[in-house]
Amino acid sequence: MLLFTSDLDRTLIYSKRMMANFPPITPTVGAERKDGEVMSMMTEATTKLLHQVHDQTLFVPVTTRALHQYERIHVINELCPTFAITSNGGTILEKGRPNEAWAKTLRKRIEDSSIPDADMLQRFDGIRSDTWLQQSFYVDELFYVYYVDLSILRQDVVQAIIQEFDVLGWYVLLQGRKLYFLPKVLTKEAAIAYLKEHCTYDVHVAAGDSIMDYGMLAMADIGFTPAHGDLKDKQPQVLGNTIYSANSGEAFTQSLLEDVLRLAAKQPTV
């Protein structure tokens, strides 16, 4: 059995803007809707391939999205994956229900390794400025996302924030307009490591586009990342197990899923 853990946004599904930046050659279909509006898309071709991947592998969607945001992605939820990971590793869904044992384990790790949320927020309140801070979100009572004005927020301020909170057990990452504050033990790879102890597989394949997927790719037997992603630019070191694709957008997704199916066909059958 092949275990396939994959990021979602910009790896399997794409916003309208991304689809415009990397136009697909086959018709598109809605992958996610919010209030009746299509928010993310795939192509008809990759949708069919994803169904085949789900049938022939242990497919585990992995996302930094909050649980309620993940649940909007109907193209994934219609597959009813046995496992899914949301909230950057904060929640493991097993047959659609949160795994309470993992939640308890993770909470203990967070308490043991980082200063409490209240202390972190108090320190950040002394640094942040309303001139560059626009919106903030508390994601599943696990981590914080701040939308910032990049024309005002200086890079030296970002680096100072990263360094200050690193020693306090918090990982700070600026990705686009989003400034993330996450407990350092809250990672996709931590949740996957826990999951791998409770499932049977022969080969682990992983895919992702961003630096937040680095650990997941590093722990896999084979990794895939697209040309349009930022992982290759921000990675601590080149991953020898990872294929750095020359393709972007849906072209990457199609080649990825085709490669996964080829690898799955080589695995022993039960």
C-alpha atoms as a PDB file:
ATOM      1  CA  MET A   1       0.000   0.000   0.000  1.00  0.00           C
ATOM      2  CA  LEU A   2       1.210   3.474  -0.883  1.00  0.00           C
ATOM      3  CA  LEU A   3       0.647   6.257   1.637  1.00  0.00           C
ATOM      4  CA  PHE A   4       0.115   9.569  -0.165  1.00  0.00           C
ATOM      5  CA  THR A   5       0.078  12.699   1.998  1.00  0.00           C
ATOM      6  CA  SER A   6      -0.607  15.841   0.026  1.00  0.00           C
ATOM      7  CA  ASP A   7      -1.045  19.520   0.675  1.00  0.00           C
ATOM      8  CA  LEU A   8      -4.185  20.956  -0.921  1.00  0.00           C
ATOM      9  CA  ASP A   9      -4.003  24.646  -1.880  1.00  0.00           C
ATOM     10  CA  ARG A  10      -1.597  25.237  -4.775  1.00  0.00           C
ATOM     11  CA  THR A  11      -0.767  21.530  -4.854  1.00  0.00           C
ATOM     12  CA  LEU A  12      -4.058  19.802  -5.716  1.00  0.00           C
ATOM     13  CA  ILE A  13      -6.539  22.697  -5.874  1.00  0.00           C
ATOM     14  CA  TYR A  14      -6.123  26.242  -7.156  1.00  0.00           C
ATOM     15  CA  SER A  15      -7.688  29.647  -6.707  1.00  0.00           C
ATOM     16  CA  LYS A  16      -9.080  31.532  -9.681  1.00  0.00           C
ATOM     17  CA  ARG A  17      -5.990  33.739  -9.641  1.00  0.00           C
ATOM     18  CA  MET A  18      -3.660  30.759  -9.783  1.00  0.00           C
ATOM     19  CA  MET A  19      -5.682  29.234 -12.602  1.00  0.00           C
ATOM     20  CA  ALA A  20      -5.366  32.531 -14.505  1.00  0.00           C
ATOM     21  CA  ASN A  21      -1.611  32.631 -13.871  1.00  0.00           C
ATOM     22  CA  PHE A  22      -1.149  29.051 -15.099  1.00  0.00           C
ATOM     23  CA  PRO A  23      -4.032  28.374 -17.523  1.00  0.00           C
ATOM     24  CA  PRO A  24      -4.918  24.674 -17.799  1.00  0.00           C
ATOM     25  CA  ILE A  25      -5.433  23.018 -21.171  1.00  0.00           C
ATOM     26  CA  THR A  26      -8.494  21.020 -20.065  1.00  0.00           C
ATOM     27  CA  PRO A  27     -11.844  22.251 -18.652  1.00  0.00           C
ATOM     28  CA  THR A  28     -12.018  23.230 -14.994  1.00  0.00           C
ATOM     29  CA  VAL A  29     -14.505  22.217 -12.300  1.00  0.00           C
ATOM     30  CA  GLY A  30     -15.277  23.736  -8.914  1.00  0.00           C
ATOM     31  CA  ALA A  31     -13.440  22.125  -6.016  1.00  0.00           C
ATOM     32  CA  GLU A  32     -14.643  24.397  -3.214  1.00  0.00           C
ATOM     33  CA  ARG A  33     -17.615  26.679  -2.706  1.00  0.00           C
ATOM     34  CA  LYS A  34     -18.327  29.384  -0.150  1.00  0.00           C
ATOM     35  CA  ASP A  35     -21.795  30.904  -0.035  1.00  0.00           C
ATOM     36  CA  GLY A  36     -22.446  29.433  -3.459  1.00  0.00           C
ATOM     37  CA  GLU A  37     -19.332  30.958  -5.039  1.00  0.00           C
ATOM     38  CA  VAL A  38     -16.545  28.803  -6.450  1.00  0.00           C
ATOM     39  CA  MET A  39     -13.399  29.512  -4.465  1.00  0.00           C
ATOM     40  CA  SER A  40     -11.020  26.791  -5.685  1.00  0.00           C
ATOM     41  CA  MET A  41     -10.813  24.635  -8.780  1.00  0.00           C
ATOM     42  CA  MET A  42      -9.293  21.576 -10.393  1.00  0.00           C
ATOM     43  CA  THR A  43      -9.555  20.336 -13.953  1.00  0.00           C
ATOM     44  CA  GLU A  44     -11.784  17.494 -15.083  1.00  0.00           C
ATOM     45  CA  ALA A  45      -8.638  15.483 -15.812  1.00  0.00           C
ATOM     46  CA  THR A  46      -7.046  15.913 -12.380  1.00  0.00           C
ATOM     47  CA  THR A  47     -10.372  15.300 -10.634  1.00  0.00           C
ATOM     48  CA  LYS A  48     -10.634  11.901 -12.327  1.00  0.00           C
ATOM     49  CA  LEU A  49      -7.003  11.131 -11.490  1.00  0.00           C
ATOM     50  CA  LEU A  50      -7.553  12.063  -7.845  1.00  0.00           C
ATOM     51  CA  HIS A  51     -10.449   9.596  -7.638  1.00  0.00           C
ATOM     52  CA  GLN A  52      -8.145   6.891  -8.980  1.00  0.00           C
ATOM     53  CA  VAL A  53      -5.435   7.866  -6.495  1.00  0.00           C
ATOM     54  CA  HIS A  54      -7.920   7.658  -3.648  1.00  0.00           C
ATOM     55  CA  ASP A  55      -9.008   4.189  -4.790  1.00  0.00           C
ATOM     56  CA  GLN A  56      -5.475   2.851  -5.170  1.00  0.00           C
ATOM     57  CA  THR A  57      -3.588   4.475  -2.252  1.00  0.00           C
ATOM     58  CA  LEU A  58      -4.061   5.573   1.323  1.00  0.00           C
ATOM     59  CA  PHE A  59      -4.656   9.207   0.405  1.00  0.00           C
ATOM     60  CA  VAL A  60      -4.354  11.697   3.280  1.00  0.00           C
ATOM     61  CA  PRO A  61      -5.186  15.362   2.559  1.00  0.00           C
ATOM     62  CA  VAL A  62      -2.963  17.666   4.661  1.00  0.00           C
ATOM     63  CA  THR A  63      -3.644  21.382   5.051  1.00  0.00           C
ATOM     64  CA  THR A  64      -2.938  24.444   7.166  1.00  0.00           C
ATOM     65  CA  ARG A  65      -6.577  25.417   6.716  1.00  0.00           C
ATOM     66  CA  ALA A  66      -8.900  25.510   9.715  1.00  0.00           C
ATOM     67  CA  LEU A  67     -11.241  22.540   9.962  1.00  0.00           C
ATOM     68  CA  HIS A  68     -14.294  24.489   8.758  1.00  0.00           C
ATOM     69  CA  GLN A  69     -12.336  25.743   5.731  1.00  0.00           C
ATOM     70  CA  TYR A  70     -11.257  22.196   4.854  1.00  0.00           C
ATOM     71  CA  GLU A  71     -14.861  21.036   5.048  1.00  0.00           C
ATOM     72  CA  ARG A  72     -15.787  23.453   2.236  1.00  0.00           C
ATOM     73  CA  ILE A  73     -13.615  21.533  -0.252  1.00  0.00           C
ATOM     74  CA  HIS A  74     -16.300  19.235  -1.598  1.00  0.00           C
ATOM     75  CA  VAL A  75     -14.045  17.583  -4.183  1.00  0.00           C
ATOM     76  CA  ILE A  76     -11.986  16.161  -1.305  1.00  0.00           C
ATOM     77  CA  ASN A  77     -14.777  15.458   1.162  1.00  0.00           C
ATOM     78  CA  GLU A  78     -16.811  13.566  -1.434  1.00  0.00           C
ATOM     79  CA  LEU A  79     -13.979  11.021  -1.467  1.00  0.00           C
ATOM     80  CA  CYS A  80     -14.497  10.370   2.265  1.00  0.00           C
ATOM     81  CA  PRO A  81     -10.770   9.844   2.956  1.00  0.00           C
ATOM     82  CA  THR A  82     -10.094   7.585   5.908  1.00  0.00           C
ATOM     83  CA  PHE A  83      -7.722  10.172   7.351  1.00  0.00           C
ATOM     84  CA  ALA A  84      -7.244  13.909   6.842  1.00  0.00           C
ATOM     85  CA  ILE A  85      -5.038  16.439   8.618  1.00  0.00           C
ATOM     86  CA  THR A  86      -6.080  20.067   9.096  1.00  0.00           C
ATOM     87  CA  SER A  87      -4.910  23.096  11.064  1.00  0.00           C
ATOM     88  CA  ASN A  88      -1.248  22.504  10.110  1.00  0.00           C
ATOM     89  CA  GLY A  89      -1.272  19.197  11.969  1.00  0.00           C
ATOM     90  CA  GLY A  90      -3.521  20.345  14.782  1.00  0.00           C
ATOM     91  CA  THR A  91      -6.397  18.031  13.895  1.00  0.00           C
ATOM     92  CA  ILE A  92      -6.319  14.470  12.601  1.00  0.00           C
ATOM     93  CA  LEU A  93      -9.662  13.398  11.196  1.00  0.00           C
ATOM     94  CA  GLU A  94     -10.366   9.675  11.209  1.00  0.00           C
ATOM     95  CA  LYS A  95     -13.443   8.799   9.181  1.00  0.00           C
ATOM     96  CA  GLY A  96     -14.504  12.407   9.515  1.00  0.00           C
ATOM     97  CA  ARG A  97     -14.153  12.672  13.293  1.00  0.00           C
ATOM     98  CA  PRO A  98     -11.298  14.337  15.219  1.00  0.00           C
ATOM     99  CA  ASN A  99      -8.827  11.917  16.783  1.00  0.00           C
ATOM    100  CA  GLU A 100      -9.003  12.820  20.475  1.00  0.00           C
ATOM    101  CA  ALA A 101      -5.851  10.903  21.395  1.00  0.00           C
ATOM    102  CA  TRP A 102      -3.794  13.021  18.993  1.00  0.00           C
ATOM    103  CA  ALA A 103      -5.452  16.217  20.218  1.00  0.00           C
ATOM    104  CA  LYS A 104      -4.518  15.344  23.807  1.00  0.00           C
ATOM    105  CA  THR A 105      -0.947  14.425  22.850  1.00  0.00           C
ATOM    106  CA  LEU A 106      -0.483  17.629  20.873  1.00  0.00           C
ATOM    107  CA  ARG A 107      -1.873  19.869  23.620  1.00  0.00           C
ATOM    108  CA  LYS A 108       0.614  18.376  26.079  1.00  0.00           C
ATOM    109  CA  ARG A 109       3.503  18.939  23.653  1.00  0.00           C
ATOM    110  CA  ILE A 110       2.483  22.564  23.149  1.00  0.00           C
ATOM    111  CA  GLU A 111       2.197  23.196  26.886  1.00  0.00           C
ATOM    112  CA  ASP A 112       5.628  21.662  27.483  1.00  0.00           C
ATOM    113  CA  SER A 113       7.472  23.485  24.703  1.00  0.00           C
ATOM    114  CA  SER A 114       6.142  27.040  24.314  1.00  0.00           C
ATOM    115  CA  ILE A 115       4.981  29.973  26.378  1.00  0.00           C
ATOM    116  CA  PRO A 116       1.171  30.228  26.738  1.00  0.00           C
ATOM    117  CA  ASP A 117      -0.920  32.041  24.139  1.00  0.00           C
ATOM    118  CA  ALA A 118      -1.680  34.899  26.511  1.00  0.00           C
ATOM    119  CA  ASP A 119       2.009  35.575  27.125  1.00  0.00           C
ATOM    120  CA  MET A 120       2.802  35.373  23.417  1.00  0.00           C
ATOM    121  CA  LEU A 121       0.009  37.814  22.564  1.00  0.00           C
ATOM    122  CA  GLN A 122       1.099  40.233  25.281  1.00  0.00           C
ATOM    123  CA  ARG A 123       4.644  40.279  23.900  1.00  0.00           C
ATOM    124  CA  PHE A 124       3.404  40.705  20.346  1.00  0.00           C
ATOM    125  CA  ASP A 125       1.116  43.569  21.415  1.00  0.00           C
ATOM    126  CA  GLY A 126       4.265  45.445  22.431  1.00  0.00           C
ATOM    127  CA  ILE A 127       5.720  45.047  18.937  1.00  0.00           C
ATOM    128  CA  ARG A 128       2.895  45.166  16.444  1.00  0.00           C
ATOM    129  CA  SER A 129       1.635  48.333  14.820  1.00  0.00           C
ATOM    130  CA  ASP A 130      -1.826  49.193  13.551  1.00  0.00           C
ATOM    131  CA  THR A 131      -0.141  50.800  10.565  1.00  0.00           C
ATOM    132  CA  TRP A 132       0.815  47.405   9.116  1.00  0.00           C
ATOM    133  CA  LEU A 133      -1.505  44.977  10.921  1.00  0.00           C
ATOM    134  CA  GLN A 134      -4.801  44.582   9.061  1.00  0.00           C
ATOM    135  CA  GLN A 135      -6.659  41.462  10.242  1.00  0.00           C
ATOM    136  CA  SER A 136      -6.102  38.625  12.669  1.00  0.00           C
ATOM    137  CA  PHE A 137      -7.507  35.114  13.034  1.00  0.00           C
ATOM    138  CA  TYR A 138      -7.222  32.480  15.759  1.00  0.00           C
ATOM    139  CA  VAL A 139      -7.270  29.142  13.962  1.00  0.00           C
ATOM    140  CA  ASP A 140      -8.949  26.247  15.768  1.00  0.00           C
ATOM    141  CA  GLU A 141      -7.590  27.503  19.099  1.00  0.00           C
ATOM    142  CA  LEU A 142      -4.118  26.470  17.974  1.00  0.00           C
ATOM    143  CA  PHE A 143      -2.328  29.238  16.077  1.00  0.00           C
ATOM    144  CA  TYR A 144      -2.646  32.813  14.849  1.00  0.00           C
ATOM    145  CA  VAL A 145      -2.672  34.334  11.380  1.00  0.00           C
ATOM    146  CA  TYR A 146      -2.218  38.080  10.852  1.00  0.00           C
ATOM    147  CA  TYR A 147      -2.769  39.821   7.533  1.00  0.00           C
ATOM    148  CA  VAL A 148      -0.216  42.579   7.111  1.00  0.00           C
ATOM    149  CA  ASP A 149       0.516  45.482   4.778  1.00  0.00           C
ATOM    150  CA  LEU A 150       3.744  44.504   3.058  1.00  0.00           C
ATOM    151  CA  SER A 151       4.332  48.051   1.850  1.00  0.00           C
ATOM    152  CA  ILE A 152       4.722  49.185   5.474  1.00  0.00           C
ATOM    153  CA  LEU A 153       6.008  46.160   7.425  1.00  0.00           C
ATOM    154  CA  ARG A 154       9.815  46.189   7.218  1.00  0.00           C
ATOM    155  CA  GLN A 155      11.805  42.981   6.778  1.00  0.00           C
ATOM    156  CA  ASP A 156      14.054  43.813   9.735  1.00  0.00           C
ATOM    157  CA  VAL A 157      10.963  44.006  11.969  1.00  0.00           C
ATOM    158  CA  VAL A 158       9.863  40.582  10.726  1.00  0.00           C
ATOM    159  CA  GLN A 159      13.299  39.113  11.466  1.00  0.00           C
ATOM    160  CA  ALA A 160      13.297  40.623  14.951  1.00  0.00           C
ATOM    161  CA  ILE A 161       9.875  39.070  15.639  1.00  0.00           C
ATOM    162  CA  ILE A 162      11.037  35.680  14.341  1.00  0.00           C
ATOM    163  CA  GLN A 163      14.115  35.708  16.567  1.00  0.00           C
ATOM    164  CA  GLU A 164      12.268  36.879  19.684  1.00  0.00           C
ATOM    165  CA  PHE A 165       9.589  34.209  19.550  1.00  0.00           C
ATOM    166  CA  ASP A 166      11.822  31.368  18.374  1.00  0.00           C
ATOM    167  CA  VAL A 167      13.390  30.996  21.821  1.00  0.00           C
ATOM    168  CA  LEU A 168       9.907  31.062  23.358  1.00  0.00           C
ATOM    169  CA  GLY A 169       8.720  28.034  21.410  1.00  0.00           C
ATOM    170  CA  TRP A 170       6.799  29.855  18.671  1.00  0.00           C
ATOM    171  CA  TYR A 171       7.484  29.613  14.946  1.00  0.00           C
ATOM    172  CA  VAL A 172       6.853  32.858  13.053  1.00  0.00           C
ATOM    173  CA  LEU A 173       6.573  32.800   9.271  1.00  0.00           C
ATOM    174  CA  LEU A 174       5.710  35.511   6.771  1.00  0.00           C
ATOM    175  CA  GLN A 175       4.081  33.913   3.733  1.00  0.00           C
ATOM    176  CA  GLY A 176       2.691  36.412   1.286  1.00  0.00           C
ATOM    177  CA  ARG A 177       0.522  38.795   3.337  1.00  0.00           C
ATOM    178  CA  LYS A 178       0.055  36.245   6.118  1.00  0.00           C
ATOM    179  CA  LEU A 179       2.166  36.403   9.268  1.00  0.00           C
ATOM    180  CA  TYR A 180       1.840  33.073  11.061  1.00  0.00           C
ATOM    181  CA  PHE A 181       2.434  32.445  14.763  1.00  0.00           C
ATOM    182  CA  LEU A 182       2.484  28.707  15.456  1.00  0.00           C
ATOM    183  CA  PRO A 183       3.718  26.649  18.405  1.00  0.00           C
ATOM    184  CA  LYS A 184       6.913  25.067  17.074  1.00  0.00           C
ATOM    185  CA  VAL A 185       5.624  21.535  17.724  1.00  0.00           C
ATOM    186  CA  LEU A 186       2.494  22.201  15.633  1.00  0.00           C
ATOM    187  CA  THR A 187       3.570  20.807  12.267  1.00  0.00           C
ATOM    188  CA  LYS A 188       2.172  18.710   9.485  1.00  0.00           C
ATOM    189  CA  GLU A 189       4.999  16.206   9.875  1.00  0.00           C
ATOM    190  CA  ALA A 190       4.280  15.674  13.575  1.00  0.00           C
ATOM    191  CA  ALA A 191       0.697  14.680  12.798  1.00  0.00           C
ATOM    192  CA  ILE A 192       1.839  12.470   9.924  1.00  0.00           C
ATOM    193  CA  ALA A 193       4.425  10.750  12.141  1.00  0.00           C
ATOM    194  CA  TYR A 194       1.659   9.962  14.645  1.00  0.00           C
ATOM    195  CA  LEU A 195      -0.594   8.706  11.857  1.00  0.00           C
ATOM    196  CA  LYS A 196       2.119   6.491  10.382  1.00  0.00           C
ATOM    197  CA  GLU A 197       2.325   4.631  13.688  1.00  0.00           C
ATOM    198  CA  HIS A 198      -1.333   3.655  13.318  1.00  0.00           C
ATOM    199  CA  CYS A 199      -1.636   2.614   9.683  1.00  0.00           C
ATOM    200  CA  THR A 200      -0.065   0.048   7.375  1.00  0.00           C
ATOM    201  CA  TYR A 201       1.836   1.123   4.270  1.00  0.00           C
ATOM    202  CA  ASP A 202       4.902   0.213   2.203  1.00  0.00           C
ATOM    203  CA  VAL A 203       5.982   3.521   0.652  1.00  0.00           C
ATOM    204  CA  HIS A 204       5.267   7.093   1.719  1.00  0.00           C
ATOM    205  CA  VAL A 205       4.881   9.691  -1.036  1.00  0.00           C
ATOM    206  CA  ALA A 206       4.300  13.361  -0.178  1.00  0.00           C
ATOM    207  CA  ALA A 207       3.538  16.510  -2.163  1.00  0.00           C
ATOM    208  CA  GLY A 208       3.491  20.181  -1.244  1.00  0.00           C
ATOM    209  CA  ASP A 209       4.350  23.611  -2.570  1.00  0.00           C
ATOM    210  CA  SER A 210       5.391  25.706   0.437  1.00  0.00           C
ATOM    211  CA  ILE A 211       8.038  25.832   3.146  1.00  0.00           C
ATOM    212  CA  MET A 212       5.342  24.643   5.566  1.00  0.00           C
ATOM    213  CA  ASP A 213       5.421  21.344   3.637  1.00  0.00           C
ATOM    214  CA  TYR A 214       9.191  20.929   3.951  1.00  0.00           C
ATOM    215  CA  GLY A 215       9.091  18.614   6.954  1.00  0.00           C
ATOM    216  CA  MET A 216       6.388  16.457   5.362  1.00  0.00           C
ATOM    217  CA  LEU A 217       8.452  16.045   2.204  1.00  0.00           C
ATOM    218  CA  ALA A 218      11.640  15.402   4.175  1.00  0.00           C
ATOM    219  CA  MET A 219      10.092  12.471   6.072  1.00  0.00           C
ATOM    220  CA  ALA A 220       8.658  10.804   2.939  1.00  0.00           C
ATOM    221  CA  ASP A 221      10.336   8.183   0.779  1.00  0.00           C
ATOM    222  CA  ILE A 222       9.544  10.270  -2.301  1.00  0.00           C
ATOM    223  CA  GLY A 223       8.489  13.916  -2.445  1.00  0.00           C
ATOM    224  CA  PHE A 224       7.113  16.179  -5.158  1.00  0.00           C
ATOM    225  CA  THR A 225       7.021  19.990  -5.267  1.00  0.00           C
ATOM    226  CA  PRO A 226       5.950  22.330  -8.106  1.00  0.00           C
ATOM    227  CA  ALA A 227       7.904  25.044  -9.871  1.00  0.00           C
ATOM    228  CA  HIS A 228       5.389  27.662  -8.713  1.00  0.00           C
ATOM    229  CA  GLY A 229       5.961  26.928  -5.013  1.00  0.00           C
ATOM    230  CA  ASP A 230       8.221  28.720  -2.543  1.00  0.00           C
ATOM    231  CA  LEU A 231       9.645  25.625  -0.882  1.00  0.00           C
ATOM    232  CA  LYS A 232      12.582  25.431  -3.274  1.00  0.00           C
ATOM    233  CA  ASP A 233      13.506  29.054  -2.503  1.00  0.00           C
ATOM    234  CA  LYS A 234      13.158  28.908   1.302  1.00  0.00           C
ATOM    235  CA  GLN A 235      14.257  25.352   2.094  1.00  0.00           C
ATOM    236  CA  PRO A 236      17.135  24.879   4.568  1.00  0.00           C
ATOM    237  CA  GLN A 237      18.726  22.403   2.161  1.00  0.00           C
ATOM    238  CA  VAL A 238      17.833  20.558  -1.028  1.00  0.00           C
ATOM    239  CA  LEU A 239      15.859  17.390  -0.328  1.00  0.00           C
ATOM    240  CA  GLY A 240      17.465  14.433  -2.046  1.00  0.00           C
ATOM    241  CA  ASN A 241      14.233  12.430  -1.947  1.00  0.00           C
ATOM    242  CA  THR A 242      12.174  15.149  -3.635  1.00  0.00           C
ATOM    243  CA  ILE A 243      11.419  15.753  -7.304  1.00  0.00           C
ATOM    244  CA  TYR A 244      11.501  19.497  -7.989  1.00  0.00           C
ATOM    245  CA  SER A 245       9.090  19.679 -10.902  1.00  0.00           C
ATOM    246  CA  ALA A 246       9.518  22.028 -13.857  1.00  0.00           C
ATOM    247  CA  ASN A 247       5.712  22.200 -14.087  1.00  0.00           C
ATOM    248  CA  SER A 248       3.415  24.736 -12.451  1.00  0.00           C
ATOM    249  CA  GLY A 249      -0.292  24.819 -11.715  1.00  0.00           C
ATOM    250  CA  GLU A 250      -2.535  22.058 -12.998  1.00  0.00           C
ATOM    251  CA  ALA A 251       0.240  20.726 -15.235  1.00  0.00           C
ATOM    252  CA  PHE A 252       2.128  19.883 -12.044  1.00  0.00           C
ATOM    253  CA  THR A 253      -0.946  18.358 -10.402  1.00  0.00           C
ATOM    254  CA  GLN A 254      -1.642  16.117 -13.370  1.00  0.00           C
ATOM    255  CA  SER A 255       1.945  14.865 -13.595  1.00  0.00           C
ATOM    256  CA  LEU A 256       2.021  14.386  -9.806  1.00  0.00           C
ATOM    257  CA  LEU A 257      -1.112  12.239  -9.725  1.00  0.00           C
ATOM    258  CA  GLU A 258       0.012  10.223 -12.736  1.00  0.00           C
ATOM    259  CA  ASP A 259       3.346   9.554 -11.006  1.00  0.00           C
ATOM    260  CA  VAL A 260       1.560   8.527  -7.796  1.00  0.00           C
ATOM    261  CA  LEU A 261      -0.572   6.055  -9.727  1.00  0.00           C
ATOM    262  CA  ARG A 262       2.525   4.577 -11.370  1.00  0.00           C
ATOM    263  CA  LEU A 263       4.203   4.187  -7.999  1.00  0.00           C
ATOM    264  CA  ALA A 264       1.053   2.669  -6.508  1.00  0.00           C
ATOM    265  CA  ALA A 265       0.926   0.086  -9.282  1.00  0.00           C
ATOM    266  CA  LYS A 266       4.374  -1.150  -8.234  1.00  0.00           C
ATOM    267  CA  GLN A 267       3.326  -1.812  -4.638  1.00  0.00           C
ATOM    268  CA  PRO A 268       2.434  -5.308  -3.435  1.00  0.00           C
ATOM    269  CA  THR A 269      -1.266  -6.084  -3.264  1.00  0.00           C
ATOM    270  CA  VAL A 270      -2.883  -7.429  -0.112  1.00  0.00           C
END
